[in-house]
Amino acid sequence: QMAIDDFGGKVLGMPIELISADHQNKADIAASKAREWIDTEGLTMLFGGTNSGTALASAKVAAEKKRVYINNGAASSALTNEQCTPYTVHYAYDTVALAKGTGTAIVETGGKSWYFLTADYAFGHALEADTSSVVKAKGGTVVGAVRHPLNASDFSSFLLQAQNSKAQVLGLANAGGDTINAIKAAKEFGIGKSMKLAGLLIFLSDVHSLGLRNTEGLQFTTSWYWDLNDESRKFANRFFEKAKRMPSAIQAADYSATMNYLKAVEAAKSTDADKVMTAWRGMKMNDFFGSGYLRADGRYVHDMYLMQVKAPAESTKPWDYYKLVKKLPGEQVFTTKAESKCALWK
């Protein structure tokens, strides 16, 4: 909505209306809602939130109905790989970039043997598979994995299996509440004494909820952080005024993607998805979120960042949680043409 307001509230002389619904992490609800909006509400662009199962289902409906589909929250690399479509835009991050960023960094600093704690749905499976590939390619080994249901209530049995594996690294192939609860339980079990925790998808809200004492030293890869530079801080402060919290990478990407979509509509002089996608692929993107370009497979290629959570003593102001370890060029961390299984990018 902030982006729509900043754009002026209309495009090609038409008012821009935002509608939303909760898919409850269910693919069938996401798909039927998308279909209903396209058939009855004249929807021109669909935005997907978290959960890869719902994202892949929504992308399918959008492709069938020829509508632009943008996703930020879901991470499965299948969106721009095996299940790529001419209308999908995967904007913020994906499991390949998260795996290459964090997996590479941890193996290179001595974390050679891995055990995965994996959320048992499309996203978790993709993150485990992509990180395993990176670990093995860098000379590491994967000792094993245990799968837990989405929104698991008890992690004790899973963590005991992880501890018994004697692996050096526990890879958390999960997100949100599951990551928070797994880290809390790992702290209680003293897992950190024998294993290094690798958070494969960490949000600012996770660190905020857990506190720096429970997360200090955690390394992870992200597409954006509010305190990166003056531009990011400017957006973050505006967001903070409205929401009373700092924006996550997803919220920043939502704003940026909405703006760039509207610019593409303007450039195409049409809301027709084929024309918009052609215009968008010809655009250079550059704003507070990042700079880069849209590839034929639907991936927005931009820099990613390897981050480390600060110790409590290093944090000097509210929400001051991360320090930059290194910038990761998009060309290096996203799927390469040689690795791609997307038929549109050959």
Protein backbone atom coordinates (compact mmCIF):
# COMPACT_ATOMS: atom_id res chain seq x y z
CA GLN A 1 0.00 0.00 0.00
CA MET A 2 2.89 2.37 0.74
CA ALA A 3 4.21 1.78 -2.78
CA ILE A 4 0.77 2.32 -4.35
CA ASP A 5 0.39 5.60 -2.42
CA ASP A 6 3.91 6.75 -3.38
CA PHE A 7 3.18 5.89 -7.02
CA GLY A 8 0.19 8.25 -6.89
CA GLY A 9 -2.62 5.75 -6.42
CA LYS A 10 -3.28 5.24 -10.14
CA VAL A 11 -1.58 3.85 -13.23
CA LEU A 12 -2.49 4.50 -16.89
CA GLY A 13 -5.25 6.74 -15.51
CA MET A 14 -6.85 3.88 -13.56
CA PRO A 15 -7.08 3.66 -9.74
CA ILE A 16 -4.99 0.90 -8.16
CA GLU A 17 -6.87 -1.31 -5.70
CA LEU A 18 -5.19 -3.71 -3.28
CA ILE A 19 -7.11 -6.75 -2.02
CA SER A 20 -5.80 -9.44 0.30
CA ALA A 21 -6.71 -12.78 1.87
CA ASP A 22 -5.18 -15.37 4.19
CA HIS A 23 -4.32 -18.69 2.48
CA GLN A 24 -3.75 -20.34 5.91
CA ASN A 25 -0.69 -22.14 4.46
CA LYS A 26 -3.01 -24.28 2.31
CA ALA A 27 -2.26 -24.60 -1.41
CA ASP A 28 -5.90 -25.29 -2.38
CA ILE A 29 -7.13 -22.12 -0.60
CA ALA A 30 -4.41 -20.04 -2.30
CA ALA A 31 -5.27 -21.44 -5.75
CA SER A 32 -9.05 -21.04 -5.42
CA LYS A 33 -8.70 -17.48 -4.07
CA ALA A 34 -6.41 -16.55 -6.98
CA ARG A 35 -8.88 -18.06 -9.46
CA GLU A 36 -11.82 -16.25 -7.84
CA TRP A 37 -10.05 -12.87 -7.90
CA ILE A 38 -9.02 -13.27 -11.55
CA ASP A 39 -12.47 -14.48 -12.66
CA THR A 40 -14.65 -12.10 -10.63
CA GLU A 41 -12.54 -9.12 -9.48
CA GLY A 42 -10.55 -8.38 -12.65
CA LEU A 43 -7.22 -9.04 -10.91
CA THR A 44 -4.21 -7.98 -13.02
CA MET A 45 -1.34 -8.94 -10.70
CA LEU A 46 -1.09 -11.52 -7.93
CA PHE A 47 1.33 -11.21 -5.03
CA GLY A 48 2.25 -14.33 -3.07
CA GLY A 49 3.26 -14.42 0.58
CA THR A 50 5.10 -17.07 2.54
CA ASN A 51 4.79 -20.85 2.08
CA SER A 52 6.18 -22.56 -1.01
CA GLY A 53 3.27 -24.99 -1.42
CA THR A 54 0.82 -22.09 -1.78
CA ALA A 55 3.27 -20.18 -4.00
CA LEU A 56 3.69 -23.01 -6.51
CA ALA A 57 -0.11 -23.50 -6.63
CA SER A 58 -0.70 -19.75 -7.15
CA ALA A 59 1.98 -19.53 -9.86
CA LYS A 60 0.21 -22.33 -11.74
CA VAL A 61 -3.16 -20.53 -11.68
CA ALA A 62 -1.54 -17.21 -12.66
CA ALA A 63 0.23 -18.85 -15.62
CA GLU A 64 -2.93 -20.58 -16.81
CA LYS A 65 -4.85 -17.28 -16.60
CA LYS A 66 -1.94 -15.19 -17.96
CA ARG A 67 -1.49 -12.91 -14.94
CA VAL A 68 1.76 -11.59 -13.46
CA TYR A 69 2.64 -13.46 -10.26
CA ILE A 70 5.24 -11.98 -7.89
CA ASN A 71 6.55 -13.88 -4.90
CA ASN A 72 8.69 -12.64 -2.01
CA GLY A 73 7.88 -14.74 1.02
CA ALA A 74 8.15 -18.25 -0.39
CA ALA A 75 11.66 -19.51 -1.10
CA SER A 76 11.44 -22.73 -3.12
CA SER A 77 13.78 -22.43 -6.10
CA ALA A 78 11.30 -24.55 -8.11
CA LEU A 79 9.40 -21.28 -8.79
CA THR A 80 12.10 -20.27 -11.29
CA ASN A 81 13.43 -23.75 -11.97
CA GLU A 82 11.40 -26.92 -12.74
CA GLN A 83 8.11 -25.03 -12.35
CA CYS A 84 9.07 -21.70 -13.94
CA THR A 85 6.41 -19.85 -15.97
CA PRO A 86 6.56 -16.79 -18.27
CA TYR A 87 4.58 -14.82 -15.65
CA THR A 88 6.39 -15.62 -12.38
CA VAL A 89 8.70 -13.07 -10.77
CA HIS A 90 10.72 -14.42 -7.81
CA TYR A 91 11.98 -11.26 -6.23
CA ALA A 92 13.68 -11.39 -2.82
CA TYR A 93 15.55 -14.64 -2.21
CA ASP A 94 15.31 -18.37 -2.89
CA THR A 95 16.61 -21.63 -1.45
CA VAL A 96 19.56 -21.74 -3.88
CA ALA A 97 20.87 -18.30 -2.85
CA LEU A 98 20.31 -19.01 0.86
CA ALA A 99 22.15 -22.33 0.51
CA LYS A 100 25.06 -20.95 -1.50
CA GLY A 101 25.47 -17.99 0.85
CA THR A 102 25.25 -19.67 4.24
CA GLY A 103 26.33 -23.19 3.26
CA THR A 104 29.50 -22.00 1.57
CA ALA A 105 30.46 -19.65 4.41
CA ILE A 106 30.05 -22.31 7.11
CA VAL A 107 31.85 -25.11 5.22
CA GLU A 108 34.73 -22.74 4.42
CA THR A 109 35.13 -21.88 8.12
CA GLY A 110 35.36 -25.54 9.16
CA GLY A 111 31.73 -26.73 9.44
CA LYS A 112 32.23 -29.83 7.30
CA SER A 113 29.65 -32.35 8.56
CA TRP A 114 25.96 -31.37 8.55
CA TYR A 115 22.68 -32.65 9.96
CA PHE A 116 19.39 -31.03 8.89
CA LEU A 117 16.28 -30.16 10.88
CA THR A 118 13.80 -29.78 8.04
CA ALA A 119 10.22 -28.47 7.82
CA ASP A 120 8.25 -31.20 6.07
CA TYR A 121 6.84 -29.31 3.06
CA ALA A 122 8.05 -27.94 -0.31
CA PHE A 123 10.18 -25.13 1.17
CA GLY A 124 12.00 -27.26 3.76
CA HIS A 125 12.70 -30.03 1.25
CA ALA A 126 14.08 -27.53 -1.29
CA LEU A 127 16.26 -25.79 1.30
CA GLU A 128 17.68 -29.10 2.56
CA ALA A 129 18.36 -30.34 -0.99
CA ASP A 130 19.95 -27.08 -2.18
CA THR A 131 22.12 -26.73 0.94
CA SER A 132 23.17 -30.41 0.79
CA SER A 133 24.36 -29.88 -2.80
CA VAL A 134 26.44 -26.86 -1.75
CA VAL A 135 27.93 -28.63 1.29
CA LYS A 136 28.93 -31.68 -0.80
CA ALA A 137 30.30 -29.55 -3.64
CA LYS A 138 32.53 -27.76 -1.12
CA GLY A 139 33.90 -31.05 0.25
CA GLY A 140 31.57 -31.41 3.25
CA THR A 141 29.29 -34.32 4.18
CA VAL A 142 25.62 -34.63 5.12
CA VAL A 143 25.28 -37.07 8.01
CA GLY A 144 21.48 -37.13 8.03
CA ALA A 145 18.24 -35.21 8.45
CA VAL A 146 15.04 -35.29 10.45
CA ARG A 147 11.74 -33.80 9.29
CA HIS A 148 9.23 -31.98 11.46
CA PRO A 149 5.67 -30.83 10.69
CA LEU A 150 5.00 -27.16 9.90
CA ASN A 151 4.30 -25.27 13.16
CA ALA A 152 5.70 -28.10 15.31
CA SER A 153 5.04 -27.75 19.04
CA ASP A 154 7.90 -29.88 20.40
CA PHE A 155 11.42 -30.11 19.00
CA SER A 156 13.02 -32.24 21.74
CA SER A 157 13.01 -35.62 19.94
CA PHE A 158 14.25 -34.04 16.69
CA LEU A 159 17.08 -32.23 18.47
CA LEU A 160 18.17 -35.36 20.34
CA GLN A 161 18.50 -37.16 16.98
CA ALA A 162 20.54 -34.23 15.68
CA GLN A 163 22.81 -34.31 18.73
CA ASN A 164 23.33 -38.07 18.41
CA SER A 165 24.45 -37.63 14.79
CA LYS A 166 27.71 -36.07 16.05
CA ALA A 167 27.61 -33.64 13.08
CA GLN A 168 29.42 -30.31 13.45
CA VAL A 169 26.58 -28.23 12.00
CA LEU A 170 22.83 -28.28 12.55
CA GLY A 171 21.20 -26.79 9.44
CA LEU A 172 17.78 -25.30 10.20
CA ALA A 173 15.82 -25.86 6.98
CA ASN A 174 12.70 -24.16 8.34
CA ALA A 175 11.35 -20.66 8.92
CA GLY A 176 9.43 -18.28 11.17
CA GLY A 177 7.87 -19.84 14.28
CA ASP A 178 9.58 -23.18 13.65
CA THR A 179 13.02 -21.55 13.48
CA ILE A 180 12.30 -19.55 16.64
CA ASN A 181 11.14 -22.63 18.58
CA ALA A 182 14.01 -24.79 17.29
CA ILE A 183 16.61 -22.20 18.36
CA LYS A 184 14.94 -21.83 21.79
CA ALA A 185 14.91 -25.61 22.30
CA ALA A 186 18.50 -25.96 21.03
CA LYS A 187 19.52 -23.37 23.63
CA GLU A 188 17.75 -25.33 26.40
CA PHE A 189 19.43 -28.59 25.33
CA GLY A 190 22.84 -26.93 25.12
CA ILE A 191 23.15 -28.05 21.47
CA GLY A 192 25.30 -25.00 20.71
CA LYS A 193 28.11 -26.47 22.82
CA SER A 194 28.66 -29.37 20.43
CA MET A 195 27.12 -28.14 17.14
CA LYS A 196 27.09 -24.87 15.22
CA LEU A 197 23.57 -23.68 14.36
CA ALA A 198 23.08 -22.58 10.75
CA GLY A 199 19.90 -20.57 10.24
CA LEU A 200 19.07 -21.03 6.57
CA LEU A 201 16.18 -18.53 6.51
CA ILE A 202 16.24 -15.95 9.28
CA PHE A 203 13.94 -12.93 9.56
CA LEU A 204 14.48 -9.75 11.54
CA SER A 205 11.31 -10.60 13.48
CA ASP A 206 12.83 -13.97 14.52
CA VAL A 207 15.88 -12.28 16.03
CA HIS A 208 13.66 -9.64 17.64
CA SER A 209 11.50 -12.32 19.23
CA LEU A 210 14.42 -14.49 20.42
CA GLY A 211 16.67 -11.66 21.57
CA LEU A 212 20.41 -11.27 20.92
CA ARG A 213 21.38 -13.50 23.86
CA ASN A 214 19.77 -16.49 22.13
CA THR A 215 20.93 -15.67 18.61
CA GLU A 216 24.34 -13.94 18.85
CA GLY A 217 26.88 -15.26 16.37
CA LEU A 218 24.24 -16.88 14.13
CA GLN A 219 25.26 -16.56 10.47
CA PHE A 220 22.70 -16.45 7.68
CA THR A 221 22.02 -15.01 4.24
CA THR A 222 19.45 -12.28 3.56
CA SER A 223 18.36 -10.17 0.60
CA TRP A 224 18.13 -6.90 2.57
CA TYR A 225 18.59 -5.31 5.99
CA TRP A 226 17.14 -2.02 7.17
CA ASP A 227 20.47 -0.62 8.43
CA LEU A 228 22.57 -1.36 5.32
CA ASN A 229 22.84 2.23 4.06
CA ASP A 230 21.16 5.66 3.99
CA GLU A 231 18.58 4.58 1.40
CA SER A 232 17.53 1.49 3.36
CA ARG A 233 17.35 3.48 6.60
CA LYS A 234 15.16 6.13 4.94
CA PHE A 235 12.61 3.51 3.86
CA ALA A 236 12.84 1.71 7.21
CA ASN A 237 12.13 4.86 9.19
CA ARG A 238 9.05 5.62 7.09
CA PHE A 239 7.85 2.04 7.57
CA PHE A 240 8.54 2.27 11.31
CA GLU A 241 6.32 5.35 11.61
CA LYS A 242 3.40 3.32 10.28
CA ALA A 243 4.06 -0.13 11.75
CA LYS A 244 6.06 0.67 14.91
CA ARG A 245 8.64 -1.96 13.96
CA MET A 246 11.46 -2.17 11.45
CA PRO A 247 10.68 -3.82 8.11
CA SER A 248 11.91 -7.30 7.24
CA ALA A 249 13.54 -8.13 3.90
CA ILE A 250 10.14 -9.38 2.66
CA GLN A 251 8.39 -6.10 3.46
CA ALA A 252 11.11 -4.10 1.71
CA ALA A 253 10.88 -6.42 -1.30
CA ASP A 254 7.08 -6.08 -1.37
CA TYR A 255 7.39 -2.30 -1.70
CA SER A 256 10.18 -2.49 -4.28
CA ALA A 257 8.46 -5.15 -6.41
CA THR A 258 5.16 -3.24 -6.40
CA MET A 259 6.93 -0.07 -7.55
CA ASN A 260 8.82 -1.87 -10.31
CA TYR A 261 5.69 -3.70 -11.47
CA LEU A 262 3.83 -0.38 -11.77
CA LYS A 263 6.77 1.13 -13.69
CA ALA A 264 6.64 -1.86 -16.06
CA VAL A 265 2.87 -1.36 -16.56
CA GLU A 266 3.56 2.29 -17.37
CA ALA A 267 6.35 1.35 -19.80
CA ALA A 268 4.14 -1.30 -21.47
CA LYS A 269 1.19 1.16 -21.58
CA SER A 270 -0.92 -1.88 -20.68
CA THR A 271 -1.77 -4.29 -17.84
CA ASP A 272 -1.59 -7.23 -20.29
CA ALA A 273 0.77 -9.71 -18.59
CA ASP A 274 2.81 -10.55 -21.72
CA LYS A 275 3.42 -6.87 -22.49
CA VAL A 276 4.23 -6.06 -18.85
CA MET A 277 6.71 -8.93 -18.53
CA THR A 278 8.44 -7.92 -21.79
CA ALA A 279 8.76 -4.33 -20.54
CA TRP A 280 9.94 -5.46 -17.11
CA ARG A 281 12.65 -7.71 -18.53
CA GLY A 282 13.97 -4.72 -20.45
CA MET A 283 14.21 -2.55 -17.32
CA LYS A 284 17.23 -1.96 -15.11
CA MET A 285 16.07 -1.96 -11.49
CA ASN A 286 17.77 0.22 -8.93
CA ASP A 287 16.26 1.35 -5.62
CA PHE A 288 16.76 1.09 -1.84
CA PHE A 289 16.15 -2.69 -1.98
CA GLY A 290 18.82 -3.42 -4.56
CA SER A 291 19.80 -3.17 -8.17
CA GLY A 292 19.74 -5.76 -10.91
CA TYR A 293 17.61 -7.26 -13.65
CA LEU A 294 14.83 -9.76 -14.30
CA ARG A 295 15.94 -12.99 -15.98
CA ALA A 296 14.02 -15.16 -18.45
CA ASP A 297 13.39 -17.74 -15.70
CA GLY A 298 11.64 -15.09 -13.57
CA ARG A 299 14.46 -14.57 -11.05
CA TYR A 300 15.29 -11.00 -10.05
CA VAL A 301 19.10 -11.09 -9.83
CA HIS A 302 20.51 -8.75 -7.18
CA ASP A 303 23.15 -8.88 -4.44
CA MET A 304 22.55 -10.91 -1.29
CA TYR A 305 24.24 -10.43 2.10
CA LEU A 306 25.94 -12.82 4.49
CA MET A 307 25.08 -11.53 7.97
CA GLN A 308 25.96 -12.35 11.55
CA VAL A 309 23.79 -11.59 14.57
CA LYS A 310 25.48 -9.13 16.92
CA ALA A 311 26.33 -9.84 20.54
CA PRO A 312 24.21 -7.79 23.00
CA ALA A 313 27.22 -5.54 23.73
CA GLU A 314 27.64 -4.69 20.02
CA SER A 315 24.06 -3.47 19.59
CA THR A 316 23.83 0.31 20.01
CA LYS A 317 20.16 1.08 19.27
CA PRO A 318 16.77 -0.66 18.97
CA TRP A 319 16.59 -3.17 16.06
CA ASP A 320 20.41 -3.01 15.66
CA TYR A 321 20.83 -6.76 15.28
CA TYR A 322 23.04 -7.65 12.31
CA LYS A 323 26.55 -7.00 11.13
CA LEU A 324 27.53 -7.49 7.51
CA VAL A 325 30.04 -10.30 6.96
CA LYS A 326 30.13 -9.93 3.19
CA LYS A 327 28.19 -8.89 0.12
CA LEU A 328 27.35 -11.82 -2.19
CA PRO A 329 27.02 -10.91 -5.90
CA GLY A 330 23.70 -12.12 -7.35
CA GLU A 331 25.41 -13.72 -10.34
CA GLN A 332 27.27 -16.02 -7.93
CA VAL A 333 24.53 -17.01 -5.49
CA PHE A 334 21.43 -17.52 -7.63
CA THR A 335 20.94 -20.52 -9.95
CA THR A 336 23.29 -20.38 -12.94
CA LYS A 337 22.23 -21.19 -16.50
CA ALA A 338 24.21 -24.45 -16.32
CA GLU A 339 22.30 -25.48 -13.17
CA SER A 340 18.88 -24.36 -14.40
CA LYS A 341 16.08 -26.75 -15.32
CA CYS A 342 13.82 -23.91 -16.51
CA ALA A 343 12.74 -24.48 -20.12
CA LEU A 344 12.32 -20.70 -20.65
CA TRP A 345 16.00 -20.02 -19.94
CA LYS A 346 17.93 -22.22 -22.32
